[in-house]
Amino acid sequence: MHATRPVRRAVYQNTTNSSLLSTSSQSQFKMAGDKIPYPKHVWSPAGGWYSQPKNWKANTAVMGLAVFTVAGVFFSLSADREHRYKMPEQGRFFPSRYWSRQIREHERTLAPKDE
């Protein structure tokens, strides 16, 4: 006969507090209550229920730096590949005037030369 493994079941704690229902004995009524029960054996890649890792600030800084770096690479790639068939008018505000190589070279040719 084969030995059977014990069945692993989630153990839930009783979080209902009957003393919260009677406001006469308490001066302050607790509205939110306790956290809901959850199975302790469940693993989640996002951290599971009520996740608050101790190094959340460092994790946030690393991810912010990664997002900023990737956005910078894509911005640089986009600015290098930008091509205009019609150049912006001379006096108008045009944001890509500051980073587009083609527009900067065009404006250098229009600038009066000191000779």
PDB file of N, CA and C in Angstrom:
ATOM      1  N   MET A   1       0.834  -1.173   0.000  1.00  0.00           N
ATOM      2  CA  MET A   1       0.000   0.000   0.000  1.00  0.00           C
ATOM      3  C   MET A   1       0.886   1.247   0.000  1.00  0.00           C
ATOM      4  N   HIS A   2       0.484   2.250  -0.762  1.00  0.00           N
ATOM      5  CA  HIS A   2       1.259   3.480  -0.867  1.00  0.00           C
ATOM      6  C   HIS A   2       0.958   4.413   0.297  1.00  0.00           C
ATOM      7  N   ALA A   3       2.002   5.091   0.713  1.00  0.00           N
ATOM      8  CA  ALA A   3       1.805   6.102   1.757  1.00  0.00           C
ATOM      9  C   ALA A   3       1.253   7.361   1.107  1.00  0.00           C
ATOM     10  N   THR A   4       0.258   7.926   1.682  1.00  0.00           N
ATOM     11  CA  THR A   4      -0.342   9.136   1.111  1.00  0.00           C
ATOM     12  C   THR A   4       0.245  10.363   1.782  1.00  0.00           C
ATOM     13  N   ARG A   5       0.417  11.378   0.971  1.00  0.00           N
ATOM     14  CA  ARG A   5       0.906  12.639   1.514  1.00  0.00           C
ATOM     15  C   ARG A   5      -0.238  13.360   2.196  1.00  0.00           C
ATOM     16  N   PRO A   6       0.058  14.074   3.257  1.00  0.00           N
ATOM     17  CA  PRO A   6      -1.022  14.822   3.905  1.00  0.00           C
ATOM     18  C   PRO A   6      -1.499  15.956   2.998  1.00  0.00           C
ATOM     19  N   VAL A   7      -2.773  16.198   3.006  1.00  0.00           N
ATOM     20  CA  VAL A   7      -3.356  17.254   2.194  1.00  0.00           C
ATOM     21  C   VAL A   7      -3.083  18.587   2.871  1.00  0.00           C
ATOM     22  N   ARG A   8      -2.550  19.499   2.094  1.00  0.00           N
ATOM     23  CA  ARG A   8      -2.234  20.813   2.635  1.00  0.00           C
ATOM     24  C   ARG A   8      -3.424  21.731   2.406  1.00  0.00           C
ATOM     25  N   ARG A   9      -3.998  22.199   3.462  1.00  0.00           N
ATOM     26  CA  ARG A   9      -5.168  23.058   3.365  1.00  0.00           C
ATOM     27  C   ARG A   9      -4.834  24.432   3.926  1.00  0.00           C
ATOM     28  N   ALA A  10      -5.504  25.405   3.379  1.00  0.00           N
ATOM     29  CA  ALA A  10      -5.310  26.766   3.868  1.00  0.00           C
ATOM     30  C   ALA A  10      -5.966  26.905   5.232  1.00  0.00           C
ATOM     31  N   VAL A  11      -5.262  27.508   6.128  1.00  0.00           N
ATOM     32  CA  VAL A  11      -5.790  27.739   7.465  1.00  0.00           C
ATOM     33  C   VAL A  11      -6.136  29.216   7.558  1.00  0.00           C
ATOM     34  N   TYR A  12      -7.389  29.499   7.779  1.00  0.00           N
ATOM     35  CA  TYR A  12      -7.845  30.878   7.873  1.00  0.00           C
ATOM     36  C   TYR A  12      -8.066  31.236   9.332  1.00  0.00           C
ATOM     37  N   GLN A  13      -7.637  32.416   9.669  1.00  0.00           N
ATOM     38  CA  GLN A  13      -7.866  32.887  11.025  1.00  0.00           C
ATOM     39  C   GLN A  13      -9.216  33.581  11.078  1.00  0.00           C
ATOM     40  N   ASN A  14      -9.835  33.511  12.195  1.00  0.00           N
ATOM     41  CA  ASN A  14     -11.113  34.182  12.368  1.00  0.00           C
ATOM     42  C   ASN A  14     -10.834  35.661  12.613  1.00  0.00           C
ATOM     43  N   THR A  15     -11.158  36.486  11.631  1.00  0.00           N
ATOM     44  CA  THR A  15     -10.862  37.910  11.761  1.00  0.00           C
ATOM     45  C   THR A  15     -12.083  38.725  12.139  1.00  0.00           C
ATOM     46  N   THR A  16     -13.225  38.075  12.265  1.00  0.00           N
ATOM     47  CA  THR A  16     -14.397  38.844  12.663  1.00  0.00           C
ATOM     48  C   THR A  16     -14.293  39.143  14.145  1.00  0.00           C
ATOM     49  N   ASN A  17     -14.534  40.345  14.488  1.00  0.00           N
ATOM     50  CA  ASN A  17     -14.412  40.772  15.870  1.00  0.00           C
ATOM     51  C   ASN A  17     -15.779  41.272  16.313  1.00  0.00           C
ATOM     52  N   SER A  18     -16.431  40.515  17.164  1.00  0.00           N
ATOM     53  CA  SER A  18     -17.783  40.881  17.575  1.00  0.00           C
ATOM     54  C   SER A  18     -17.792  42.128  18.436  1.00  0.00           C
ATOM     55  N   SER A  19     -16.649  42.448  19.054  1.00  0.00           N
ATOM     56  CA  SER A  19     -16.622  43.649  19.884  1.00  0.00           C
ATOM     57  C   SER A  19     -16.684  44.918  19.044  1.00  0.00           C
ATOM     58  N   LEU A  20     -16.400  44.811  17.742  1.00  0.00           N
ATOM     59  CA  LEU A  20     -16.491  45.985  16.880  1.00  0.00           C
ATOM     60  C   LEU A  20     -17.937  46.395  16.641  1.00  0.00           C
ATOM     61  N   LEU A  21     -18.839  45.447  16.801  1.00  0.00           N
ATOM     62  CA  LEU A  21     -20.238  45.736  16.517  1.00  0.00           C
ATOM     63  C   LEU A  21     -20.901  46.530  17.629  1.00  0.00           C
ATOM     64  N   SER A  22     -20.420  46.393  18.836  1.00  0.00           N
ATOM     65  CA  SER A  22     -21.034  47.138  19.933  1.00  0.00           C
ATOM     66  C   SER A  22     -20.229  48.409  20.171  1.00  0.00           C
ATOM     67  N   THR A  23     -20.809  49.536  19.848  1.00  0.00           N
ATOM     68  CA  THR A  23     -20.111  50.812  19.987  1.00  0.00           C
ATOM     69  C   THR A  23     -20.236  51.386  21.381  1.00  0.00           C
ATOM     70  N   SER A  24     -21.098  50.809  22.196  1.00  0.00           N
ATOM     71  CA  SER A  24     -21.276  51.364  23.529  1.00  0.00           C
ATOM     72  C   SER A  24     -20.050  51.128  24.406  1.00  0.00           C
ATOM     73  N   SER A  25     -19.341  50.005  24.199  1.00  0.00           N
ATOM     74  CA  SER A  25     -18.179  49.720  25.031  1.00  0.00           C
ATOM     75  C   SER A  25     -16.916  50.396  24.503  1.00  0.00           C
ATOM     76  N   GLN A  26     -16.951  50.830  23.251  1.00  0.00           N
ATOM     77  CA  GLN A  26     -15.773  51.473  22.675  1.00  0.00           C
ATOM     78  C   GLN A  26     -16.081  52.930  22.369  1.00  0.00           C
ATOM     79  N   SER A  27     -15.075  53.770  22.581  1.00  0.00           N
ATOM     80  CA  SER A  27     -15.283  55.180  22.282  1.00  0.00           C
ATOM     81  C   SER A  27     -15.042  55.474  20.809  1.00  0.00           C
ATOM     82  N   GLN A  28     -14.289  54.624  20.138  1.00  0.00           N
ATOM     83  CA  GLN A  28     -13.991  54.845  18.721  1.00  0.00           C
ATOM     84  C   GLN A  28     -14.366  53.589  17.953  1.00  0.00           C
ATOM     85  N   PHE A  29     -15.128  53.751  16.892  1.00  0.00           N
ATOM     86  CA  PHE A  29     -15.586  52.625  16.090  1.00  0.00           C
ATOM     87  C   PHE A  29     -14.577  52.366  14.986  1.00  0.00           C
ATOM     88  N   LYS A  30     -14.088  51.154  14.880  1.00  0.00           N
ATOM     89  CA  LYS A  30     -13.100  50.793  13.873  1.00  0.00           C
ATOM     90  C   LYS A  30     -13.834  50.418  12.591  1.00  0.00           C
ATOM     91  N   MET A  31     -13.696  51.245  11.550  1.00  0.00           N
ATOM     92  CA  MET A  31     -14.470  51.050  10.322  1.00  0.00           C
ATOM     93  C   MET A  31     -13.864  50.001   9.392  1.00  0.00           C
ATOM     94  N   ALA A  32     -12.571  49.995   9.215  1.00  0.00           N
ATOM     95  CA  ALA A  32     -11.968  49.131   8.207  1.00  0.00           C
ATOM     96  C   ALA A  32     -11.863  47.688   8.666  1.00  0.00           C
ATOM     97  N   GLY A  33     -11.680  47.461   9.909  1.00  0.00           N
ATOM     98  CA  GLY A  33     -11.531  46.100  10.393  1.00  0.00           C
ATOM     99  C   GLY A  33     -10.142  45.566  10.128  1.00  0.00           C
ATOM    100  N   ASP A  34      -9.968  44.293  10.368  1.00  0.00           N
ATOM    101  CA  ASP A  34      -8.676  43.662  10.162  1.00  0.00           C
ATOM    102  C   ASP A  34      -8.501  43.295   8.699  1.00  0.00           C
ATOM    103  N   LYS A  35      -7.297  42.867   8.366  1.00  0.00           N
ATOM    104  CA  LYS A  35      -7.040  42.406   7.007  1.00  0.00           C
ATOM    105  C   LYS A  35      -7.794  41.105   6.774  1.00  0.00           C
ATOM    106  N   ILE A  36      -8.210  40.896   5.536  1.00  0.00           N
ATOM    107  CA  ILE A  36      -8.957  39.679   5.241  1.00  0.00           C
ATOM    108  C   ILE A  36      -8.020  38.477   5.306  1.00  0.00           C
ATOM    109  N   PRO A  37      -8.533  37.322   5.660  1.00  0.00           N
ATOM    110  CA  PRO A  37      -7.672  36.145   5.729  1.00  0.00           C
ATOM    111  C   PRO A  37      -7.256  35.689   4.332  1.00  0.00           C
ATOM    112  N   TYR A  38      -6.072  35.146   4.243  1.00  0.00           N
ATOM    113  CA  TYR A  38      -5.574  34.655   2.964  1.00  0.00           C
ATOM    114  C   TYR A  38      -4.715  33.426   3.209  1.00  0.00           C
ATOM    115  N   PRO A  39      -4.623  32.557   2.226  1.00  0.00           N
ATOM    116  CA  PRO A  39      -3.802  31.355   2.410  1.00  0.00           C
ATOM    117  C   PRO A  39      -2.321  31.709   2.410  1.00  0.00           C
ATOM    118  N   LYS A  40      -1.603  31.245   3.402  1.00  0.00           N
ATOM    119  CA  LYS A  40      -0.187  31.584   3.560  1.00  0.00           C
ATOM    120  C   LYS A  40       0.709  30.823   2.588  1.00  0.00           C
ATOM    121  N   HIS A  41       0.246  29.727   2.029  1.00  0.00           N
ATOM    122  CA  HIS A  41       1.092  28.907   1.173  1.00  0.00           C
ATOM    123  C   HIS A  41       1.064  29.334  -0.291  1.00  0.00           C
ATOM    124  N   VAL A  42       0.259  30.321  -0.638  1.00  0.00           N
ATOM    125  CA  VAL A  42       0.174  30.773  -2.025  1.00  0.00           C
ATOM    126  C   VAL A  42       1.322  31.737  -2.302  1.00  0.00           C
ATOM    127  N   TRP A  43       2.044  31.499  -3.402  1.00  0.00           N
ATOM    128  CA  TRP A  43       3.147  32.359  -3.791  1.00  0.00           C
ATOM    129  C   TRP A  43       2.717  33.198  -4.982  1.00  0.00           C
ATOM    130  N   SER A  44       3.117  34.449  -5.001  1.00  0.00           N
ATOM    131  CA  SER A  44       2.777  35.338  -6.097  1.00  0.00           C
ATOM    132  C   SER A  44       4.026  36.098  -6.520  1.00  0.00           C
ATOM    133  N   PRO A  45       4.276  36.237  -7.831  1.00  0.00           N
ATOM    134  CA  PRO A  45       5.460  36.990  -8.259  1.00  0.00           C
ATOM    135  C   PRO A  45       5.373  38.467  -7.906  1.00  0.00           C
ATOM    136  N   ALA A  46       4.164  38.975  -7.699  1.00  0.00           N
ATOM    137  CA  ALA A  46       3.998  40.382  -7.350  1.00  0.00           C
ATOM    138  C   ALA A  46       4.129  40.616  -5.852  1.00  0.00           C
ATOM    139  N   GLY A  47       4.305  39.584  -5.079  1.00  0.00           N
ATOM    140  CA  GLY A  47       4.492  39.762  -3.652  1.00  0.00           C
ATOM    141  C   GLY A  47       3.342  39.258  -2.811  1.00  0.00           C
ATOM    142  N   GLY A  48       2.236  38.931  -3.425  1.00  0.00           N
ATOM    143  CA  GLY A  48       1.120  38.375  -2.670  1.00  0.00           C
ATOM    144  C   GLY A  48       0.280  39.440  -2.002  1.00  0.00           C
ATOM    145  N   TRP A  49      -0.522  39.001  -1.068  1.00  0.00           N
ATOM    146  CA  TRP A  49      -1.420  39.904  -0.363  1.00  0.00           C
ATOM    147  C   TRP A  49      -0.632  40.804   0.563  1.00  0.00           C
ATOM    148  N   TYR A  50      -0.992  42.056   0.605  1.00  0.00           N
ATOM    149  CA  TYR A  50      -0.429  43.056   1.518  1.00  0.00           C
ATOM    150  C   TYR A  50       1.093  43.091   1.449  1.00  0.00           C
ATOM    151  N   SER A  51       1.610  43.084   0.271  1.00  0.00           N
ATOM    152  CA  SER A  51       3.062  43.092   0.102  1.00  0.00           C
ATOM    153  C   SER A  51       3.605  44.489   0.356  1.00  0.00           C
ATOM    154  N   GLN A  52       4.577  44.582   1.195  1.00  0.00           N
ATOM    155  CA  GLN A  52       5.281  45.839   1.459  1.00  0.00           C
ATOM    156  C   GLN A  52       6.719  45.473   1.803  1.00  0.00           C
ATOM    157  N   PRO A  53       7.541  45.192   0.769  1.00  0.00           N
ATOM    158  CA  PRO A  53       8.912  44.777   1.061  1.00  0.00           C
ATOM    159  C   PRO A  53       9.704  45.896   1.740  1.00  0.00           C
ATOM    160  N   LYS A  54      10.711  45.501   2.502  1.00  0.00           N
ATOM    161  CA  LYS A  54      11.509  46.478   3.241  1.00  0.00           C
ATOM    162  C   LYS A  54      12.321  47.370   2.309  1.00  0.00           C
ATOM    163  N   ASN A  55      12.691  46.860   1.146  1.00  0.00           N
ATOM    164  CA  ASN A  55      13.528  47.634   0.228  1.00  0.00           C
ATOM    165  C   ASN A  55      12.713  48.229  -0.918  1.00  0.00           C
ATOM    166  N   TRP A  56      11.486  48.655  -0.654  1.00  0.00           N
ATOM    167  CA  TRP A  56      10.633  49.165  -1.725  1.00  0.00           C
ATOM    168  C   TRP A  56      11.179  50.462  -2.306  1.00  0.00           C
ATOM    169  N   LYS A  57      11.854  51.271  -1.512  1.00  0.00           N
ATOM    170  CA  LYS A  57      12.399  52.530  -2.033  1.00  0.00           C
ATOM    171  C   LYS A  57      13.527  52.260  -3.026  1.00  0.00           C
ATOM    172  N   ALA A  58      14.388  51.315  -2.702  1.00  0.00           N
ATOM    173  CA  ALA A  58      15.476  50.966  -3.620  1.00  0.00           C
ATOM    174  C   ALA A  58      14.916  50.330  -4.890  1.00  0.00           C
ATOM    175  N   ASN A  59      13.913  49.463  -4.742  1.00  0.00           N
ATOM    176  CA  ASN A  59      13.289  48.845  -5.917  1.00  0.00           C
ATOM    177  C   ASN A  59      12.663  49.904  -6.817  1.00  0.00           C
ATOM    178  N   THR A  60      11.993  50.881  -6.215  1.00  0.00           N
ATOM    179  CA  THR A  60      11.363  51.947  -6.988  1.00  0.00           C
ATOM    180  C   THR A  60      12.418  52.793  -7.700  1.00  0.00           C
ATOM    181  N   ALA A  61      13.517  53.082  -7.018  1.00  0.00           N
ATOM    182  CA  ALA A  61      14.584  53.877  -7.636  1.00  0.00           C
ATOM    183  C   ALA A  61      15.218  53.130  -8.807  1.00  0.00           C
ATOM    184  N   VAL A  62      15.451  51.845  -8.648  1.00  0.00           N
ATOM    185  CA  VAL A  62      16.053  51.050  -9.728  1.00  0.00           C
ATOM    186  C   VAL A  62      15.120  50.999 -10.930  1.00  0.00           C
ATOM    187  N   MET A  63      13.839  50.759 -10.693  1.00  0.00           N
ATOM    188  CA  MET A  63      12.888  50.697 -11.808  1.00  0.00           C
ATOM    189  C   MET A  63      12.710  52.068 -12.456  1.00  0.00           C
ATOM    190  N   GLY A  64      12.708  53.132 -11.666  1.00  0.00           N
ATOM    191  CA  GLY A  64      12.619  54.475 -12.236  1.00  0.00           C
ATOM    192  C   GLY A  64      13.811  54.781 -13.122  1.00  0.00           C
ATOM    193  N   LEU A  65      15.001  54.408 -12.672  1.00  0.00           N
ATOM    194  CA  LEU A  65      16.205  54.606 -13.473  1.00  0.00           C
ATOM    195  C   LEU A  65      16.149  53.782 -14.758  1.00  0.00           C
ATOM    196  N   ALA A  66      15.650  52.558 -14.660  1.00  0.00           N
ATOM    197  CA  ALA A  66      15.534  51.706 -15.848  1.00  0.00           C
ATOM    198  C   ALA A  66      14.547  52.295 -16.850  1.00  0.00           C
ATOM    199  N   VAL A  67      13.402  52.766 -16.371  1.00  0.00           N
ATOM    200  CA  VAL A  67      12.404  53.364 -17.265  1.00  0.00           C
ATOM    201  C   VAL A  67      12.964  54.634 -17.901  1.00  0.00           C
ATOM    202  N   PHE A  68      13.641  55.462 -17.115  1.00  0.00           N
ATOM    203  CA  PHE A  68      14.228  56.697 -17.629  1.00  0.00           C
ATOM    204  C   PHE A  68      15.294  56.396 -18.686  1.00  0.00           C
ATOM    205  N   THR A  69      16.107  55.372 -18.460  1.00  0.00           N
ATOM    206  CA  THR A  69      17.155  55.000 -19.414  1.00  0.00           C
ATOM    207  C   THR A  69      16.560  54.500 -20.722  1.00  0.00           C
ATOM    208  N   VAL A  70      15.569  53.630 -20.629  1.00  0.00           N
ATOM    209  CA  VAL A  70      14.936  53.102 -21.842  1.00  0.00           C
ATOM    210  C   VAL A  70      14.241  54.224 -22.611  1.00  0.00           C
ATOM    211  N   ALA A  71      13.562  55.124 -21.894  1.00  0.00           N
ATOM    212  CA  ALA A  71      12.905  56.255 -22.557  1.00  0.00           C
ATOM    213  C   ALA A  71      13.939  57.157 -23.230  1.00  0.00           C
ATOM    214  N   GLY A  72      15.084  57.366 -22.585  1.00  0.00           N
ATOM    215  CA  GLY A  72      16.146  58.183 -23.179  1.00  0.00           C
ATOM    216  C   GLY A  72      16.718  57.560 -24.440  1.00  0.00           C
ATOM    217  N   VAL A  73      16.889  56.243 -24.431  1.00  0.00           N
ATOM    218  CA  VAL A  73      17.401  55.555 -25.620  1.00  0.00           C
ATOM    219  C   VAL A  73      16.415  55.684 -26.770  1.00  0.00           C
ATOM    220  N   PHE A  74      15.131  55.476 -26.488  1.00  0.00           N
ATOM    221  CA  PHE A  74      14.128  55.605 -27.543  1.00  0.00           C
ATOM    222  C   PHE A  74      14.007  57.043 -28.038  1.00  0.00           C
ATOM    223  N   PHE A  75      14.125  58.016 -27.142  1.00  0.00           N
ATOM    224  CA  PHE A  75      14.081  59.417 -27.546  1.00  0.00           C
ATOM    225  C   PHE A  75      15.255  59.746 -28.462  1.00  0.00           C
ATOM    226  N   SER A  76      16.442  59.297 -28.087  1.00  0.00           N
ATOM    227  CA  SER A  76      17.628  59.555 -28.903  1.00  0.00           C
ATOM    228  C   SER A  76      17.509  58.891 -30.271  1.00  0.00           C
ATOM    229  N   LEU A  77      17.033  57.673 -30.296  1.00  0.00           N
ATOM    230  CA  LEU A  77      16.847  56.961 -31.558  1.00  0.00           C
ATOM    231  C   LEU A  77      15.818  57.671 -32.439  1.00  0.00           C
ATOM    232  N   SER A  78      14.741  58.133 -31.835  1.00  0.00           N
ATOM    233  CA  SER A  78      13.709  58.849 -32.585  1.00  0.00           C
ATOM    234  C   SER A  78      14.235  60.176 -33.125  1.00  0.00           C
ATOM    235  N   ALA A  79      15.012  60.897 -32.314  1.00  0.00           N
ATOM    236  CA  ALA A  79      15.557  62.179 -32.764  1.00  0.00           C
ATOM    237  C   ALA A  79      16.550  61.990 -33.909  1.00  0.00           C
ATOM    238  N   ASP A  80      17.317  60.908 -33.879  1.00  0.00           N
ATOM    239  CA  ASP A  80      18.265  60.650 -34.966  1.00  0.00           C
ATOM    240  C   ASP A  80      17.559  60.290 -36.269  1.00  0.00           C
ATOM    241  N   ARG A  81      16.428  59.635 -36.166  1.00  0.00           N
ATOM    242  CA  ARG A  81      15.705  59.197 -37.365  1.00  0.00           C
ATOM    243  C   ARG A  81      14.682  60.219 -37.866  1.00  0.00           C
ATOM    244  N   GLU A  82      14.510  61.308 -37.157  1.00  0.00           N
ATOM    245  CA  GLU A  82      13.513  62.298 -37.551  1.00  0.00           C
ATOM    246  C   GLU A  82      13.926  62.960 -38.864  1.00  0.00           C
ATOM    247  N   HIS A  83      12.984  63.045 -39.790  1.00  0.00           N
ATOM    248  CA  HIS A  83      13.250  63.678 -41.082  1.00  0.00           C
ATOM    249  C   HIS A  83      12.061  64.556 -41.445  1.00  0.00           C
ATOM    250  N   ARG A  84      12.335  65.789 -41.808  1.00  0.00           N
ATOM    251  CA  ARG A  84      11.282  66.739 -42.164  1.00  0.00           C
ATOM    252  C   ARG A  84      11.393  67.093 -43.635  1.00  0.00           C
ATOM    253  N   TYR A  85      10.258  67.105 -44.302  1.00  0.00           N
ATOM    254  CA  TYR A  85      10.218  67.534 -45.697  1.00  0.00           C
ATOM    255  C   TYR A  85       9.984  69.031 -45.789  1.00  0.00           C
ATOM    256  N   LYS A  86       9.348  69.587 -44.776  1.00  0.00           N
ATOM    257  CA  LYS A  86       9.113  71.024 -44.723  1.00  0.00           C
ATOM    258  C   LYS A  86       9.677  71.529 -43.398  1.00  0.00           C
ATOM    259  N   MET A  87      10.566  72.487 -43.479  1.00  0.00           N
ATOM    260  CA  MET A  87      11.189  73.018 -42.271  1.00  0.00           C
ATOM    261  C   MET A  87      10.236  73.979 -41.568  1.00  0.00           C
ATOM    262  N   PRO A  88      10.352  74.092 -40.245  1.00  0.00           N
ATOM    263  CA  PRO A  88       9.469  75.004 -39.513  1.00  0.00           C
ATOM    264  C   PRO A  88       9.775  76.459 -39.863  1.00  0.00           C
ATOM    265  N   GLU A  89       8.760  77.285 -39.697  1.00  0.00           N
ATOM    266  CA  GLU A  89       8.944  78.708 -39.984  1.00  0.00           C
ATOM    267  C   GLU A  89       9.927  79.307 -38.990  1.00  0.00           C
ATOM    268  N   GLN A  90      10.601  80.356 -39.408  1.00  0.00           N
ATOM    269  CA  GLN A  90      11.717  80.903 -38.647  1.00  0.00           C
ATOM    270  C   GLN A  90      11.312  81.429 -37.268  1.00  0.00           C
ATOM    271  N   GLY A  91      10.222  82.150 -37.129  1.00  0.00           N
ATOM    272  CA  GLY A  91       9.893  82.781 -35.854  1.00  0.00           C
ATOM    273  C   GLY A  91       9.013  81.951 -34.936  1.00  0.00           C
ATOM    274  N   ARG A  92       8.506  80.827 -35.389  1.00  0.00           N
ATOM    275  CA  ARG A  92       7.556  80.044 -34.594  1.00  0.00           C
ATOM    276  C   ARG A  92       8.265  79.092 -33.639  1.00  0.00           C
ATOM    277  N   PHE A  93       7.566  78.802 -32.539  1.00  0.00           N
ATOM    278  CA  PHE A  93       8.091  77.843 -31.565  1.00  0.00           C
ATOM    279  C   PHE A  93       7.922  76.435 -32.122  1.00  0.00           C
ATOM    280  N   PHE A  94       8.976  75.674 -32.081  1.00  0.00           N
ATOM    281  CA  PHE A  94       8.951  74.316 -32.596  1.00  0.00           C
ATOM    282  C   PHE A  94       9.847  73.483 -31.685  1.00  0.00           C
ATOM    283  N   PRO A  95       9.268  72.635 -30.817  1.00  0.00           N
ATOM    284  CA  PRO A  95      10.072  71.954 -29.800  1.00  0.00           C
ATOM    285  C   PRO A  95      11.225  71.117 -30.351  1.00  0.00           C
ATOM    286  N   SER A  96      11.015  70.404 -31.450  1.00  0.00           N
ATOM    287  CA  SER A  96      12.094  69.543 -31.930  1.00  0.00           C
ATOM    288  C   SER A  96      13.221  70.335 -32.585  1.00  0.00           C
ATOM    289  N   ARG A  97      13.085  71.643 -32.628  1.00  0.00           N
ATOM    290  CA  ARG A  97      14.152  72.501 -33.143  1.00  0.00           C
ATOM    291  C   ARG A  97      15.421  72.333 -32.301  1.00  0.00           C
ATOM    292  N   TYR A  98      15.265  71.967 -31.044  1.00  0.00           N
ATOM    293  CA  TYR A  98      16.413  71.884 -30.142  1.00  0.00           C
ATOM    294  C   TYR A  98      17.155  70.554 -30.239  1.00  0.00           C
ATOM    295  N   TRP A  99      16.510  69.492 -30.726  1.00  0.00           N
ATOM    296  CA  TRP A  99      17.200  68.205 -30.768  1.00  0.00           C
ATOM    297  C   TRP A  99      17.270  67.577 -32.154  1.00  0.00           C
ATOM    298  N   SER A 100      16.570  68.100 -33.130  1.00  0.00           N
ATOM    299  CA  SER A 100      16.604  67.529 -34.469  1.00  0.00           C
ATOM    300  C   SER A 100      17.839  68.024 -35.217  1.00  0.00           C
ATOM    301  N   ARG A 101      18.688  67.102 -35.610  1.00  0.00           N
ATOM    302  CA  ARG A 101      19.928  67.452 -36.301  1.00  0.00           C
ATOM    303  C   ARG A 101      19.631  68.143 -37.634  1.00  0.00           C
ATOM    304  N   GLN A 102      18.623  67.671 -38.347  1.00  0.00           N
ATOM    305  CA  GLN A 102      18.293  68.230 -39.652  1.00  0.00           C
ATOM    306  C   GLN A 102      17.853  69.694 -39.528  1.00  0.00           C
ATOM    307  N   ILE A 103      17.033  70.003 -38.547  1.00  0.00           N
ATOM    308  CA  ILE A 103      16.560  71.382 -38.370  1.00  0.00           C
ATOM    309  C   ILE A 103      17.705  72.284 -37.922  1.00  0.00           C
ATOM    310  N   ARG A 104      18.561  71.798 -37.025  1.00  0.00           N
ATOM    311  CA  ARG A 104      19.694  72.622 -36.577  1.00  0.00           C
ATOM    312  C   ARG A 104      20.641  72.938 -37.732  1.00  0.00           C
ATOM    313  N   GLU A 105      20.916  71.948 -38.580  1.00  0.00           N
ATOM    314  CA  GLU A 105      21.786  72.201 -39.736  1.00  0.00           C
ATOM    315  C   GLU A 105      21.131  73.164 -40.716  1.00  0.00           C
ATOM    316  N   HIS A 106      19.825  73.046 -40.898  1.00  0.00           N
ATOM    317  CA  HIS A 106      19.102  73.956 -41.783  1.00  0.00           C
ATOM    318  C   HIS A 106      19.165  75.388 -41.251  1.00  0.00           C
ATOM    319  N   GLU A 107      19.015  75.566 -39.948  1.00  0.00           N
ATOM    320  CA  GLU A 107      19.060  76.911 -39.375  1.00  0.00           C
ATOM    321  C   GLU A 107      20.470  77.494 -39.405  1.00  0.00           C
ATOM    322  N   ARG A 108      21.495  76.646 -39.349  1.00  0.00           N
ATOM    323  CA  ARG A 108      22.871  77.146 -39.483  1.00  0.00           C
ATOM    324  C   ARG A 108      23.121  77.688 -40.888  1.00  0.00           C
ATOM    325  N   THR A 109      22.534  77.043 -41.896  1.00  0.00           N
ATOM    326  CA  THR A 109      22.717  77.533 -43.266  1.00  0.00           C
ATOM    327  C   THR A 109      21.971  78.844 -43.484  1.00  0.00           C
ATOM    328  N   LEU A 110      20.875  79.065 -42.752  1.00  0.00           N
ATOM    329  CA  LEU A 110      20.113  80.306 -42.892  1.00  0.00           C
ATOM    330  C   LEU A 110      20.725  81.460 -42.108  1.00  0.00           C
ATOM    331  N   ALA A 111      21.510  81.153 -41.090  1.00  0.00           N
ATOM    332  CA  ALA A 111      22.094  82.202 -40.245  1.00  0.00           C
ATOM    333  C   ALA A 111      23.094  83.015 -41.060  1.00  0.00           C
ATOM    334  N   PRO A 112      23.140  84.329 -40.830  1.00  0.00           N
ATOM    335  CA  PRO A 112      24.108  85.160 -41.566  1.00  0.00           C
ATOM    336  C   PRO A 112      25.530  84.820 -41.140  1.00  0.00           C
ATOM    337  N   LYS A 113      26.386  84.705 -42.126  1.00  0.00           N
ATOM    338  CA  LYS A 113      27.781  84.353 -41.854  1.00  0.00           C
ATOM    339  C   LYS A 113      28.590  85.628 -41.635  1.00  0.00           C
ATOM    340  N   ASP A 114      29.445  85.591 -40.630  1.00  0.00           N
ATOM    341  CA  ASP A 114      30.316  86.742 -40.345  1.00  0.00           C
ATOM    342  C   ASP A 114      31.609  86.573 -41.135  1.00  0.00           C
ATOM    343  N   GLU A 115      31.766  87.348 -42.187  1.00  0.00           N
ATOM    344  CA  GLU A 115      32.980  87.266 -43.006  1.00  0.00           C
ATOM    345  C   GLU A 115      33.606  88.612 -43.169  1.00  0.00           C
TER     346      GLU A 115
END
